PDB file of N, CA and C in Angstrom:
ATOM      1  N   MET A   1     106.421  96.721  83.649  1.00  0.00           N
ATOM      2  CA  MET A   1     105.792  95.623  84.305  1.00  0.00           C
ATOM      3  C   MET A   1     105.809  95.824  85.840  1.00  0.00           C
ATOM      4  N   GLU A   2     106.941  96.359  86.348  1.00  0.00           N
ATOM      5  CA  GLU A   2     107.097  96.547  87.786  1.00  0.00           C
ATOM      6  C   GLU A   2     106.028  97.479  88.285  1.00  0.00           C
ATOM      7  N   GLY A   3     105.672  98.563  87.545  1.00  0.00           N
ATOM      8  CA  GLY A   3     104.633  99.496  87.961  1.00  0.00           C
ATOM      9  C   GLY A   3     103.250  98.790  88.013  1.00  0.00           C
ATOM     10  N   GLU A   4     102.987  97.894  87.072  1.00  0.00           N
ATOM     11  CA  GLU A   4     101.745  97.192  87.096  1.00  0.00           C
ATOM     12  C   GLU A   4     101.618  96.276  88.324  1.00  0.00           C
ATOM     13  N   ASN A   5     102.739  95.632  88.686  1.00  0.00           N
ATOM     14  CA  ASN A   5     102.700  94.761  89.897  1.00  0.00           C
ATOM     15  C   ASN A   5     102.456  95.598  91.164  1.00  0.00           C
ATOM     16  N   LEU A   6     103.076  96.764  91.241  1.00  0.00           N
ATOM     17  CA  LEU A   6     102.831  97.641  92.358  1.00  0.00           C
ATOM     18  C   LEU A   6     101.385  98.051  92.466  1.00  0.00           C
ATOM     19  N   LYS A   7     100.813  98.429  91.289  1.00  0.00           N
ATOM     20  CA  LYS A   7      99.461  98.822  91.229  1.00  0.00           C
ATOM     21  C   LYS A   7      98.504  97.707  91.673  1.00  0.00           C
ATOM     22  N   LEU A   8      98.740  96.498  91.203  1.00  0.00           N
ATOM     23  CA  LEU A   8      97.948  95.335  91.616  1.00  0.00           C
ATOM     24  C   LEU A   8      98.053  95.078  93.141  1.00  0.00           C
ATOM     25  N   ALA A   9      99.294  95.192  93.667  1.00  0.00           N
ATOM     26  CA  ALA A   9      99.522  95.011  95.088  1.00  0.00           C
ATOM     27  C   ALA A   9      98.775  96.110  95.913  1.00  0.00           C
ATOM     28  N   LEU A  10      98.800  97.319  95.481  1.00  0.00           N
ATOM     29  CA  LEU A  10      98.175  98.393  96.216  1.00  0.00           C
ATOM     30  C   LEU A  10      96.610  98.185  96.159  1.00  0.00           C
ATOM     31  N   LYS A  11      96.132  97.683  95.061  1.00  0.00           N
ATOM     32  CA  LYS A  11      94.675  97.415  94.971  1.00  0.00           C
ATOM     33  C   LYS A  11      94.302  96.330  95.975  1.00  0.00           C
ATOM     34  N   GLU A  12      95.126  95.285  96.110  1.00  0.00           N
ATOM     35  CA  GLU A  12      94.857  94.219  97.055  1.00  0.00           C
ATOM     36  C   GLU A  12      94.902  94.751  98.494  1.00  0.00           C
ATOM     37  N   VAL A  13      95.861  95.631  98.771  1.00  0.00           N
ATOM     38  CA  VAL A  13      95.962  96.189 100.101  1.00  0.00           C
ATOM     39  C   VAL A  13      94.716  97.067 100.383  1.00  0.00           C
ATOM     40  N   GLY A  14      94.306  97.844  99.347  1.00  0.00           N
ATOM     41  CA  GLY A  14      93.135  98.663  99.525  1.00  0.00           C
ATOM     42  C   GLY A  14      91.916  97.801  99.834  1.00  0.00           C
ATOM     43  N   LYS A  15      91.720  96.702  99.178  1.00  0.00           N
ATOM     44  CA  LYS A  15      90.626  95.797  99.426  1.00  0.00           C
ATOM     45  C   LYS A  15      90.681  95.285 100.894  1.00  0.00           C
ATOM     46  N   LEU A  16      91.849  94.913 101.306  1.00  0.00           N
ATOM     47  CA  LEU A  16      91.997  94.387 102.692  1.00  0.00           C
ATOM     48  C   LEU A  16      91.720  95.476 103.753  1.00  0.00           C
ATOM     49  N   ILE A  17      92.147  96.673 103.516  1.00  0.00           N
ATOM     50  CA  ILE A  17      91.918  97.787 104.426  1.00  0.00           C
ATOM     51  C   ILE A  17      90.412  98.076 104.453  1.00  0.00           C
ATOM     52  N   ARG A  18      89.801  98.219 103.323  1.00  0.00           N
ATOM     53  CA  ARG A  18      88.365  98.469 103.239  1.00  0.00           C
ATOM     54  C   ARG A  18      87.560  97.415 103.994  1.00  0.00           C
ATOM     55  N   LYS A  19      87.934  96.117 103.830  1.00  0.00           N
ATOM     56  CA  LYS A  19      87.241  95.023 104.473  1.00  0.00           C
ATOM     57  C   LYS A  19      87.462  95.133 106.008  1.00  0.00           C
ATOM     58  N   SER A  20      88.629  95.465 106.429  1.00  0.00           N
ATOM     59  CA  SER A  20      88.933  95.610 107.838  1.00  0.00           C
ATOM     60  C   SER A  20      88.139  96.762 108.480  1.00  0.00           C
ATOM     61  N   LEU A  21      88.084  97.898 107.746  1.00  0.00           N
ATOM     62  CA  LEU A  21      87.336  99.031 108.260  1.00  0.00           C
ATOM     63  C   LEU A  21      85.873  98.698 108.455  1.00  0.00           C
ATOM     64  N   LYS A  22      85.324  98.011 107.468  1.00  0.00           N
ATOM     65  CA  LYS A  22      83.868  97.651 107.532  1.00  0.00           C
ATOM     66  C   LYS A  22      83.686  96.682 108.679  1.00  0.00           C
ATOM     67  N   GLN A  23      84.588  95.732 108.853  1.00  0.00           N
ATOM     68  CA  GLN A  23      84.417  94.726 109.909  1.00  0.00           C
ATOM     69  C   GLN A  23      84.583  95.414 111.285  1.00  0.00           C
ATOM     70  N   ASN A  24      85.542  96.322 111.422  1.00  0.00           N
ATOM     71  CA  ASN A  24      85.719  96.991 112.680  1.00  0.00           C
ATOM     72  C   ASN A  24      84.570  97.956 113.016  1.00  0.00           C
ATOM     73  N   ALA A  25      83.860  98.467 112.020  1.00  0.00           N
ATOM     74  CA  ALA A  25      82.688  99.271 112.274  1.00  0.00           C
ATOM     75  C   ALA A  25      81.624  98.449 112.962  1.00  0.00           C
ATOM     76  N   LEU A  26      81.517  97.190 112.591  1.00  0.00           N
ATOM     77  CA  LEU A  26      80.534  96.313 113.181  1.00  0.00           C
ATOM     78  C   LEU A  26      81.010  95.659 114.451  1.00  0.00           C
ATOM     79  N   ASN A  27      82.249  95.311 114.545  1.00  0.00           N
ATOM     80  CA  ASN A  27      82.886  94.611 115.703  1.00  0.00           C
ATOM     81  C   ASN A  27      84.192  95.224 116.040  1.00  0.00           C
ATOM     82  N   PRO A  28      84.234  96.387 116.676  1.00  0.00           N
ATOM     83  CA  PRO A  28      85.527  97.008 117.018  1.00  0.00           C
ATOM     84  C   PRO A  28      86.466  96.154 117.802  1.00  0.00           C
ATOM     85  N   PRO A  29      87.766  96.212 117.548  1.00  0.00           N
ATOM     86  CA  PRO A  29      88.758  95.356 118.230  1.00  0.00           C
ATOM     87  C   PRO A  29      88.894  95.743 119.706  1.00  0.00           C
ATOM     88  N   ASN A  30      88.391  96.873 120.132  1.00  0.00           N
ATOM     89  CA  ASN A  30      88.570  97.287 121.530  1.00  0.00           C
ATOM     90  C   ASN A  30      87.514  96.697 122.420  1.00  0.00           C
ATOM     91  N   GLY A  31      86.683  95.795 121.919  1.00  0.00           N
ATOM     92  CA  GLY A  31      85.706  95.093 122.727  1.00  0.00           C
ATOM     93  C   GLY A  31      84.362  95.832 122.827  1.00  0.00           C
ATOM     94  N   LYS A  32      84.278  97.055 122.330  1.00  0.00           N
ATOM     95  CA  LYS A  32      83.011  97.828 122.381  1.00  0.00           C
ATOM     96  C   LYS A  32      82.075  97.194 121.319  1.00  0.00           C
ATOM     97  N   LYS A  33      80.799  97.486 121.523  1.00  0.00           N
ATOM     98  CA  LYS A  33      79.809  97.022 120.526  1.00  0.00           C
ATOM     99  C   LYS A  33      79.990  97.781 119.203  1.00  0.00           C
ATOM    100  N   GLY A  34      79.567  97.169 118.201  1.00  0.00           N
ATOM    101  CA  GLY A  34      79.649  97.813 116.852  1.00  0.00           C
ATOM    102  C   GLY A  34      78.665  99.006 116.743  1.00  0.00           C
ATOM    103  N   PHE A  35      78.896  99.808 115.724  1.00  0.00           N
ATOM    104  CA  PHE A  35      78.038 100.934 115.503  1.00  0.00           C
ATOM    105  C   PHE A  35      76.703 100.553 114.896  1.00  0.00           C
ATOM    106  N   LYS A  36      75.654 101.114 115.395  1.00  0.00           N
ATOM    107  CA  LYS A  36      74.363 100.911 114.872  1.00  0.00           C
ATOM    108  C   LYS A  36      73.942 102.217 114.123  1.00  0.00           C
ATOM    109  N   ALA A  37      73.865 102.108 112.832  1.00  0.00           N
ATOM    110  CA  ALA A  37      73.520 103.333 112.057  1.00  0.00           C
ATOM    111  C   ALA A  37      72.864 102.963 110.788  1.00  0.00           C
ATOM    112  N   SER A  38      72.694 103.985 109.918  1.00  0.00           N
ATOM    113  CA  SER A  38      71.954 103.783 108.651  1.00  0.00           C
ATOM    114  C   SER A  38      72.746 102.961 107.638  1.00  0.00           C
ATOM    115  N   GLY A  39      74.038 102.749 107.854  1.00  0.00           N
ATOM    116  CA  GLY A  39      74.907 102.068 106.880  1.00  0.00           C
ATOM    117  C   GLY A  39      75.660 103.006 106.061  1.00  0.00           C
ATOM    118  N   LYS A  40      75.530 104.322 106.257  1.00  0.00           N
ATOM    119  CA  LYS A  40      76.252 105.296 105.497  1.00  0.00           C
ATOM    120  C   LYS A  40      77.736 105.145 105.735  1.00  0.00           C
ATOM    121  N   LEU A  41      78.134 104.931 107.005  1.00  0.00           N
ATOM    122  CA  LEU A  41      79.529 104.785 107.322  1.00  0.00           C
ATOM    123  C   LEU A  41      80.095 103.571 106.616  1.00  0.00           C
ATOM    124  N   ASP A  42      79.456 102.450 106.752  1.00  0.00           N
ATOM    125  CA  ASP A  42      79.906 101.199 106.099  1.00  0.00           C
ATOM    126  C   ASP A  42      80.065 101.373 104.600  1.00  0.00           C
ATOM    127  N   ARG A  43      79.133 102.047 103.979  1.00  0.00           N
ATOM    128  CA  ARG A  43      79.195 102.220 102.509  1.00  0.00           C
ATOM    129  C   ARG A  43      80.198 103.262 102.075  1.00  0.00           C
ATOM    130  N   SER A  44      80.658 104.086 103.071  1.00  0.00           N
ATOM    131  CA  SER A  44      81.568 105.213 102.710  1.00  0.00           C
ATOM    132  C   SER A  44      83.013 104.778 102.523  1.00  0.00           C
ATOM    133  N   PHE A  45      83.377 103.554 102.994  1.00  0.00           N
ATOM    134  CA  PHE A  45      84.707 103.150 102.930  1.00  0.00           C
ATOM    135  C   PHE A  45      85.117 102.742 101.513  1.00  0.00           C
ATOM    136  N   LYS A  46      86.031 103.412 100.953  1.00  0.00           N
ATOM    137  CA  LYS A  46      86.464 103.231  99.579  1.00  0.00           C
ATOM    138  C   LYS A  46      87.978 103.439  99.487  1.00  0.00           C
ATOM    139  N   TYR A  47      88.542 102.944  98.402  1.00  0.00           N
ATOM    140  CA  TYR A  47      89.963 103.146  98.193  1.00  0.00           C
ATOM    141  C   TYR A  47      90.209 103.469  96.700  1.00  0.00           C
ATOM    142  N   ARG A  48      91.305 104.061  96.432  1.00  0.00           N
ATOM    143  CA  ARG A  48      91.672 104.356  95.041  1.00  0.00           C
ATOM    144  C   ARG A  48      93.193 104.294  94.927  1.00  0.00           C
ATOM    145  N   VAL A  49      93.713 103.717  93.870  1.00  0.00           N
ATOM    146  CA  VAL A  49      95.124 103.712  93.566  1.00  0.00           C
ATOM    147  C   VAL A  49      95.349 104.722  92.417  1.00  0.00           C
ATOM    148  N   GLU A  50      96.299 105.615  92.653  1.00  0.00           N
ATOM    149  CA  GLU A  50      96.533 106.653  91.689  1.00  0.00           C
ATOM    150  C   GLU A  50      98.040 107.042  91.751  1.00  0.00           C
ATOM    151  N   ASN A  51      98.757 106.940  90.663  1.00  0.00           N
ATOM    152  CA  ASN A  51     100.142 107.279  90.620  1.00  0.00           C
ATOM    153  C   ASN A  51     100.973 106.492  91.685  1.00  0.00           C
ATOM    154  N   ASN A  52     100.711 105.211  91.759  1.00  0.00           N
ATOM    155  CA  ASN A  52     101.416 104.328  92.733  1.00  0.00           C
ATOM    156  C   ASN A  52     101.206 104.694  94.126  1.00  0.00           C
ATOM    157  N   GLU A  53     100.095 105.332  94.478  1.00  0.00           N
ATOM    158  CA  GLU A  53      99.727 105.701  95.824  1.00  0.00           C
ATOM    159  C   GLU A  53      98.304 105.174  96.139  1.00  0.00           C
ATOM    160  N   LEU A  54      98.111 104.734  97.370  1.00  0.00           N
ATOM    161  CA  LEU A  54      96.859 104.205  97.845  1.00  0.00           C
ATOM    162  C   LEU A  54      96.139 105.231  98.676  1.00  0.00           C
ATOM    163  N   TYR A  55      94.923 105.608  98.288  1.00  0.00           N
ATOM    164  CA  TYR A  55      94.095 106.535  99.071  1.00  0.00           C
ATOM    165  C   TYR A  55      92.906 105.795  99.630  1.00  0.00           C
ATOM    166  N   ILE A  56      92.651 106.027 100.929  1.00  0.00           N
ATOM    167  CA  ILE A  56      91.546 105.414 101.627  1.00  0.00           C
ATOM    168  C   ILE A  56      90.557 106.492 101.968  1.00  0.00           C
ATOM    169  N   PHE A  57      89.262 106.265 101.768  1.00  0.00           N
ATOM    170  CA  PHE A  57      88.273 107.307 102.009  1.00  0.00           C
ATOM    171  C   PHE A  57      87.191 106.702 102.934  1.00  0.00           C
ATOM    172  N   GLY A  58      86.552 107.624 103.668  1.00  0.00           N
ATOM    173  CA  GLY A  58      85.434 107.233 104.559  1.00  0.00           C
ATOM    174  C   GLY A  58      84.812 108.493 105.109  1.00  0.00           C
ATOM    175  N   GLU A  59      83.676 108.367 105.721  1.00  0.00           N
ATOM    176  CA  GLU A  59      83.039 109.493 106.374  1.00  0.00           C
ATOM    177  C   GLU A  59      83.976 110.169 107.336  1.00  0.00           C
ATOM    178  N   LYS A  60      83.842 111.523 107.439  1.00  0.00           N
ATOM    179  CA  LYS A  60      84.724 112.274 108.335  1.00  0.00           C
ATOM    180  C   LYS A  60      84.598 111.803 109.792  1.00  0.00           C
ATOM    181  N   TYR A  61      83.463 111.347 110.212  1.00  0.00           N
ATOM    182  CA  TYR A  61      83.259 111.062 111.600  1.00  0.00           C
ATOM    183  C   TYR A  61      83.719 109.607 111.974  1.00  0.00           C
ATOM    184  N   ALA A  62      84.314 108.886 111.020  1.00  0.00           N
ATOM    185  CA  ALA A  62      84.754 107.545 111.296  1.00  0.00           C
ATOM    186  C   ALA A  62      85.803 107.424 112.419  1.00  0.00           C
ATOM    187  N   ASN A  63      86.749 108.338 112.411  1.00  0.00           N
ATOM    188  CA  ASN A  63      87.775 108.308 113.458  1.00  0.00           C
ATOM    189  C   ASN A  63      87.221 108.619 114.797  1.00  0.00           C
ATOM    190  N   ALA A  64      86.284 109.530 114.898  1.00  0.00           N
ATOM    191  CA  ALA A  64      85.663 109.888 116.179  1.00  0.00           C
ATOM    192  C   ALA A  64      84.906 108.697 116.736  1.00  0.00           C
ATOM    193  N   LEU A  65      84.249 107.948 115.880  1.00  0.00           N
ATOM    194  CA  LEU A  65      83.491 106.797 116.350  1.00  0.00           C
ATOM    195  C   LEU A  65      84.433 105.660 116.866  1.00  0.00           C
ATOM    196  N   SER A  66      85.524 105.452 116.147  1.00  0.00           N
ATOM    197  CA  SER A  66      86.400 104.345 116.514  1.00  0.00           C
ATOM    198  C   SER A  66      87.380 104.738 117.620  1.00  0.00           C
ATOM    199  N   ASP A  67      87.902 105.945 117.588  1.00  0.00           N
ATOM    200  CA  ASP A  67      88.931 106.338 118.541  1.00  0.00           C
ATOM    201  C   ASP A  67      88.322 107.137 119.697  1.00  0.00           C
ATOM    202  N   GLY A  68      87.148 107.621 119.554  1.00  0.00           N
ATOM    203  CA  GLY A  68      86.570 108.497 120.571  1.00  0.00           C
ATOM    204  C   GLY A  68      87.197 109.869 120.534  1.00  0.00           C
ATOM    205  N   ILE A  69      86.760 110.691 121.455  1.00  0.00           N
ATOM    206  CA  ILE A  69      87.313 112.072 121.547  1.00  0.00           C
ATOM    207  C   ILE A  69      87.797 112.254 122.996  1.00  0.00           C
ATOM    208  N   LYS A  70      88.494 113.289 123.192  1.00  0.00           N
ATOM    209  CA  LYS A  70      89.033 113.608 124.548  1.00  0.00           C
ATOM    210  C   LYS A  70      87.832 113.775 125.516  1.00  0.00           C
ATOM    211  N   THR A  71      87.989 113.252 126.726  1.00  0.00           N
ATOM    212  CA  THR A  71      86.872 113.405 127.707  1.00  0.00           C
ATOM    213  C   THR A  71      87.211 114.356 128.838  1.00  0.00           C
ATOM    214  N   ASP A  72      88.151 115.270 128.624  1.00  0.00           N
ATOM    215  CA  ASP A  72      88.539 116.180 129.687  1.00  0.00           C
ATOM    216  C   ASP A  72      87.757 117.487 129.568  1.00  0.00           C
ATOM    217  N   ASN A  73      86.633 117.486 128.904  1.00  0.00           N
ATOM    218  CA  ASN A  73      85.715 118.635 128.843  1.00  0.00           C
ATOM    219  C   ASN A  73      86.415 119.856 128.258  1.00  0.00           C
ATOM    220  N   THR A  74      87.229 119.719 127.274  1.00  0.00           N
ATOM    221  CA  THR A  74      87.895 120.888 126.685  1.00  0.00           C
ATOM    222  C   THR A  74      87.277 121.256 125.359  1.00  0.00           C
ATOM    223  N   TYR A  75      85.955 121.298 125.340  1.00  0.00           N
ATOM    224  CA  TYR A  75      85.274 121.600 124.080  1.00  0.00           C
ATOM    225  C   TYR A  75      85.713 122.917 123.487  1.00  0.00           C
ATOM    226  N   ASN A  76      85.863 123.954 124.290  1.00  0.00           N
ATOM    227  CA  ASN A  76      86.260 125.228 123.800  1.00  0.00           C
ATOM    228  C   ASN A  76      87.711 125.277 123.222  1.00  0.00           C
ATOM    229  N   LYS A  77      88.481 124.247 123.597  1.00  0.00           N
ATOM    230  CA  LYS A  77      89.867 124.178 123.069  1.00  0.00           C
ATOM    231  C   LYS A  77      89.930 123.436 121.717  1.00  0.00           C
ATOM    232  N   SER A  78      88.844 122.830 121.327  1.00  0.00           N
ATOM    233  CA  SER A  78      88.831 122.098 120.048  1.00  0.00           C
ATOM    234  C   SER A  78      88.848 123.126 118.897  1.00  0.00           C
ATOM    235  N   SER A  79      89.260 122.670 117.779  1.00  0.00           N
ATOM    236  CA  SER A  79      89.383 123.558 116.596  1.00  0.00           C
ATOM    237  C   SER A  79      88.012 123.925 116.098  1.00  0.00           C
ATOM    238  N   GLU A  80      88.000 125.034 115.459  1.00  0.00           N
ATOM    239  CA  GLU A  80      86.766 125.511 114.825  1.00  0.00           C
ATOM    240  C   GLU A  80      86.305 124.555 113.770  1.00  0.00           C
ATOM    241  N   GLN A  81      87.247 123.986 112.965  1.00  0.00           N
ATOM    242  CA  GLN A  81      86.923 123.039 111.945  1.00  0.00           C
ATOM    243  C   GLN A  81      86.298 121.787 112.541  1.00  0.00           C
ATOM    244  N   PHE A  82      86.822 121.296 113.683  1.00  0.00           N
ATOM    245  CA  PHE A  82      86.272 120.108 114.349  1.00  0.00           C
ATOM    246  C   PHE A  82      84.774 120.386 114.775  1.00  0.00           C
ATOM    247  N   ARG A  83      84.560 121.532 115.390  1.00  0.00           N
ATOM    248  CA  ARG A  83      83.213 121.837 115.816  1.00  0.00           C
ATOM    249  C   ARG A  83      82.272 121.978 114.632  1.00  0.00           C
ATOM    250  N   LYS A  84      82.706 122.589 113.570  1.00  0.00           N
ATOM    251  CA  LYS A  84      81.875 122.761 112.350  1.00  0.00           C
ATOM    252  C   LYS A  84      81.613 121.367 111.779  1.00  0.00           C
ATOM    253  N   SER A  85      82.588 120.437 111.726  1.00  0.00           N
ATOM    254  CA  SER A  85      82.351 119.136 111.168  1.00  0.00           C
ATOM    255  C   SER A  85      81.286 118.352 111.969  1.00  0.00           C
ATOM    256  N   ILE A  86      81.359 118.443 113.320  1.00  0.00           N
ATOM    257  CA  ILE A  86      80.400 117.757 114.138  1.00  0.00           C
ATOM    258  C   ILE A  86      79.029 118.393 113.952  1.00  0.00           C
ATOM    259  N   ILE A  87      78.945 119.693 113.879  1.00  0.00           N
ATOM    260  CA  ILE A  87      77.615 120.347 113.650  1.00  0.00           C
ATOM    261  C   ILE A  87      77.029 119.973 112.311  1.00  0.00           C
ATOM    262  N   ASP A  88      77.878 119.927 111.246  1.00  0.00           N
ATOM    263  CA  ASP A  88      77.419 119.533 109.950  1.00  0.00           C
ATOM    264  C   ASP A  88      76.947 118.059 109.941  1.00  0.00           C
ATOM    265  N   TRP A  89      77.675 117.208 110.681  1.00  0.00           N
ATOM    266  CA  TRP A  89      77.277 115.840 110.721  1.00  0.00           C
ATOM    267  C   TRP A  89      75.962 115.662 111.446  1.00  0.00           C
ATOM    268  N   ALA A  90      75.780 116.395 112.600  1.00  0.00           N
ATOM    269  CA  ALA A  90      74.565 116.276 113.381  1.00  0.00           C
ATOM    270  C   ALA A  90      73.397 116.811 112.585  1.00  0.00           C
TER     271      ALA A  90
END
């Protein structure tokens, strides 16, 4: 029974996190305007509970949109994977 309670609690936490991510995509807490896009980002937020662990999913570019990227013009110092992800996204 204890495992079932944990699973239910994780599902509730997953719902809350997904709701918060969607809300922050429209109205970021940092005072910036929300994202205007096709809705792909909003629809990408999902969660899954598996083996008493909570997994949160979203588009790869979600962090870059919410947190931004470094502005010290160090493009060549970024990882190859990061550049490939941005190129694939674009």
